Amino acid sequence: MMLSPARVTLIDTVVPFDAPLDVTFDYLADPANRPEWQSSLRQVDDLRPIGDRAGDVGTSWTDVTVVPGVSPRMEVTACESRRMWQEIGRWRSVDAVLTLTFSDRDGGDPDGGDRDGGTDVHAEAVLTVPAVSGFVLTATRWPAARAVRADLERAARLLGRRGSR
């Protein structure tokens, strides 16, 4: 009897960025920026950009994490410029998919001016593990969700500071 893998949504949330949509998208989609804002990441190795820029579909790299021996191979699987970006990370029998969807936040200017209201980033992370690991996944779901959100909030702060200089 073969057991189906366990698939769980780790996080499904929106994080506001006080930066224009194009700046936010370009920053988050470029794997080279990841060590600046992803707390579990020491560095990005073996970055292989495909297309016009790093972060286009097919771009791949290895995440060198703070956990010894855990270095998932990452690949961009979808990229619609300034709209949606998706990656998959594979390590042993575990797959993690992160999908980021971007939308302009209305600046709320009653005169209909061109005031930039920032960007909302909708993040959804789904983890797939062997069925026998499902109970571990359940136990680690909440801390993992907090870490993903905290990382995106860190990215938002970094971009916010850059815009205020």
Protein backbone atom coordinates (compact mmCIF):
# COMPACT_ATOMS: atom_id res chain seq x y z
CA MET A 1 0.00 0.00 0.00
CA MET A 2 1.39 3.39 -1.00
CA LEU A 3 0.63 6.38 1.22
CA SER A 4 -0.13 9.72 -0.37
CA PRO A 5 2.12 12.60 0.58
CA ALA A 6 0.91 15.10 3.16
CA ARG A 7 0.37 18.57 1.71
CA VAL A 8 -0.25 21.51 4.00
CA THR A 9 -0.60 25.23 3.42
CA LEU A 10 1.91 26.77 5.83
CA ILE A 11 0.90 30.36 5.29
CA ASP A 12 -1.67 32.33 3.35
CA THR A 13 -1.28 35.99 4.24
CA VAL A 14 -0.85 39.52 2.90
CA VAL A 15 2.12 41.69 3.82
CA PRO A 16 2.04 45.43 3.00
CA PHE A 17 5.12 47.06 1.45
CA ASP A 18 5.58 50.84 1.39
CA ALA A 19 7.34 50.64 -1.96
CA PRO A 20 6.07 50.80 -5.53
CA LEU A 21 4.92 47.56 -7.11
CA ASP A 22 7.79 47.36 -9.63
CA VAL A 23 10.44 47.89 -6.92
CA THR A 24 8.81 45.34 -4.60
CA PHE A 25 8.45 42.72 -7.34
CA ASP A 26 11.99 43.12 -8.65
CA TYR A 27 13.47 42.91 -5.14
CA LEU A 28 11.55 39.81 -4.03
CA ALA A 29 11.90 37.98 -7.36
CA ASP A 30 15.70 38.27 -7.46
CA PRO A 31 17.22 35.32 -5.56
CA ALA A 32 20.45 37.27 -4.98
CA ASN A 33 18.54 39.54 -2.55
CA ARG A 34 17.28 36.66 -0.40
CA PRO A 35 20.09 36.58 2.20
CA GLU A 36 19.25 40.22 3.08
CA TRP A 37 15.77 39.36 4.30
CA GLN A 38 15.38 35.59 4.73
CA SER A 39 16.43 34.68 8.27
CA SER A 40 17.07 30.99 7.58
CA LEU A 41 19.42 31.72 4.69
CA ARG A 42 23.18 32.18 4.88
CA GLN A 43 23.74 32.60 1.17
CA VAL A 44 22.60 31.73 -2.33
CA ASP A 45 24.94 29.43 -4.27
CA ASP A 46 25.07 28.32 -7.88
CA LEU A 47 22.63 30.99 -9.12
CA ARG A 48 21.71 30.24 -12.73
CA PRO A 49 19.58 33.05 -14.17
CA ILE A 50 17.49 32.26 -17.23
CA GLY A 51 15.73 34.90 -19.29
CA ASP A 52 16.18 38.64 -19.13
CA ARG A 53 16.98 38.73 -15.41
CA ALA A 54 17.42 36.60 -12.32
CA GLY A 55 14.01 35.52 -11.14
CA ASP A 56 12.57 34.59 -14.53
CA VAL A 57 11.08 31.12 -15.05
CA GLY A 58 13.77 28.46 -14.98
CA THR A 59 16.19 30.45 -12.81
CA SER A 60 17.65 28.08 -10.24
CA TRP A 61 19.95 28.23 -7.22
CA THR A 62 20.82 26.50 -3.98
CA ASP A 63 19.73 27.95 -0.64
CA VAL A 64 22.51 27.51 1.91
CA THR A 65 20.54 27.61 5.15
CA VAL A 66 21.56 28.12 8.77
CA VAL A 67 20.65 24.47 9.39
CA PRO A 68 23.73 22.33 8.65
CA GLY A 69 23.13 19.94 5.76
CA VAL A 70 19.86 21.54 4.65
CA SER A 71 20.45 23.15 1.24
CA PRO A 72 17.37 22.89 -0.96
CA ARG A 73 17.64 23.35 -4.70
CA MET A 74 15.31 26.15 -5.74
CA GLU A 75 13.71 26.94 -9.10
CA VAL A 76 11.40 29.67 -10.34
CA THR A 77 8.36 27.92 -11.80
CA ALA A 78 6.16 30.92 -12.68
CA CYS A 79 6.82 34.59 -13.25
CA GLU A 80 4.34 37.16 -14.51
CA SER A 81 6.19 40.45 -14.21
CA ARG A 82 4.79 42.63 -11.45
CA ARG A 83 1.87 40.25 -10.89
CA MET A 84 2.95 36.82 -9.66
CA TRP A 85 6.12 34.91 -8.85
CA GLN A 86 6.47 31.28 -7.75
CA GLU A 87 9.33 29.07 -6.66
CA ILE A 88 9.71 25.46 -5.63
CA GLY A 89 12.37 24.22 -3.28
CA ARG A 90 13.30 20.55 -3.12
CA TRP A 91 15.30 18.86 -0.41
CA ARG A 92 15.28 15.10 -0.11
CA SER A 93 11.61 14.05 -0.09
CA VAL A 94 10.29 17.51 0.82
CA ASP A 95 8.91 20.09 -1.62
CA ALA A 96 8.01 23.64 -0.67
CA VAL A 97 6.19 26.00 -3.04
CA LEU A 98 6.05 29.73 -2.37
CA THR A 99 3.70 31.85 -4.47
CA LEU A 100 3.81 35.64 -4.24
CA THR A 101 1.03 37.70 -5.82
CA PHE A 102 1.50 41.46 -6.08
CA SER A 103 -1.10 44.24 -6.17
CA ASP A 104 -0.95 48.03 -6.08
CA ARG A 105 -2.36 49.45 -2.89
CA ASP A 106 -4.66 52.39 -3.57
CA GLY A 107 -2.99 55.54 -2.30
CA GLY A 108 -6.36 56.87 -1.23
CA ASP A 109 -5.83 60.27 -2.86
CA PRO A 110 -9.35 61.75 -3.03
CA ASP A 111 -8.33 64.02 -5.93
CA GLY A 112 -7.36 61.02 -8.02
CA GLY A 113 -3.70 62.03 -8.00
CA ASP A 114 -0.79 59.76 -8.67
CA ARG A 115 0.19 59.14 -5.07
CA ASP A 116 1.80 55.74 -4.59
CA GLY A 117 0.07 53.72 -1.90
CA GLY A 118 2.60 50.89 -1.90
CA THR A 119 2.18 47.22 -2.68
CA ASP A 120 0.37 44.32 -1.06
CA VAL A 121 2.17 41.00 -1.35
CA HIS A 122 -0.03 37.95 -0.94
CA ALA A 123 2.15 35.01 0.12
CA GLU A 124 1.08 31.38 0.05
CA ALA A 125 3.50 28.61 1.04
CA VAL A 126 2.61 24.94 0.61
CA LEU A 127 4.76 22.12 1.93
CA THR A 128 4.60 18.52 0.67
CA VAL A 129 6.20 15.75 2.73
CA PRO A 130 5.94 11.95 2.83
CA ALA A 131 2.78 10.81 4.63
CA VAL A 132 4.80 9.38 7.52
CA SER A 133 6.11 12.90 8.23
CA GLY A 134 2.67 14.48 8.38
CA PHE A 135 2.59 14.66 12.17
CA VAL A 136 5.91 16.54 12.20
CA LEU A 137 4.53 18.93 9.61
CA THR A 138 1.53 19.66 11.80
CA ALA A 139 3.78 20.43 14.77
CA THR A 140 6.03 22.79 12.81
CA ARG A 141 3.35 24.55 10.79
CA TRP A 142 2.79 27.53 13.09
CA PRO A 143 6.49 28.38 13.67
CA ALA A 144 7.19 28.04 9.94
CA ALA A 145 4.30 30.37 9.08
CA ARG A 146 5.58 32.95 11.57
CA ALA A 147 9.07 32.74 10.06
CA VAL A 148 7.82 33.27 6.47
CA ARG A 149 5.73 36.26 7.51
CA ALA A 150 8.57 37.74 9.59
CA ASP A 151 10.94 37.39 6.62
CA LEU A 152 8.54 39.21 4.29
CA GLU A 153 8.01 41.92 6.91
CA ARG A 154 11.80 42.30 7.12
CA ALA A 155 11.93 42.70 3.32
CA ALA A 156 9.19 45.35 3.55
CA ARG A 157 11.17 47.28 6.19
CA LEU A 158 14.36 47.10 4.11
CA LEU A 159 12.61 48.43 1.02
CA GLY A 160 10.81 51.07 3.09
CA ARG A 161 14.13 52.37 4.43
CA ARG A 162 15.62 52.50 0.94
CA GLY A 163 12.70 54.57 -0.29
CA SER A 164 13.00 57.07 2.57
CA ARG A 165 16.66 57.92 1.85
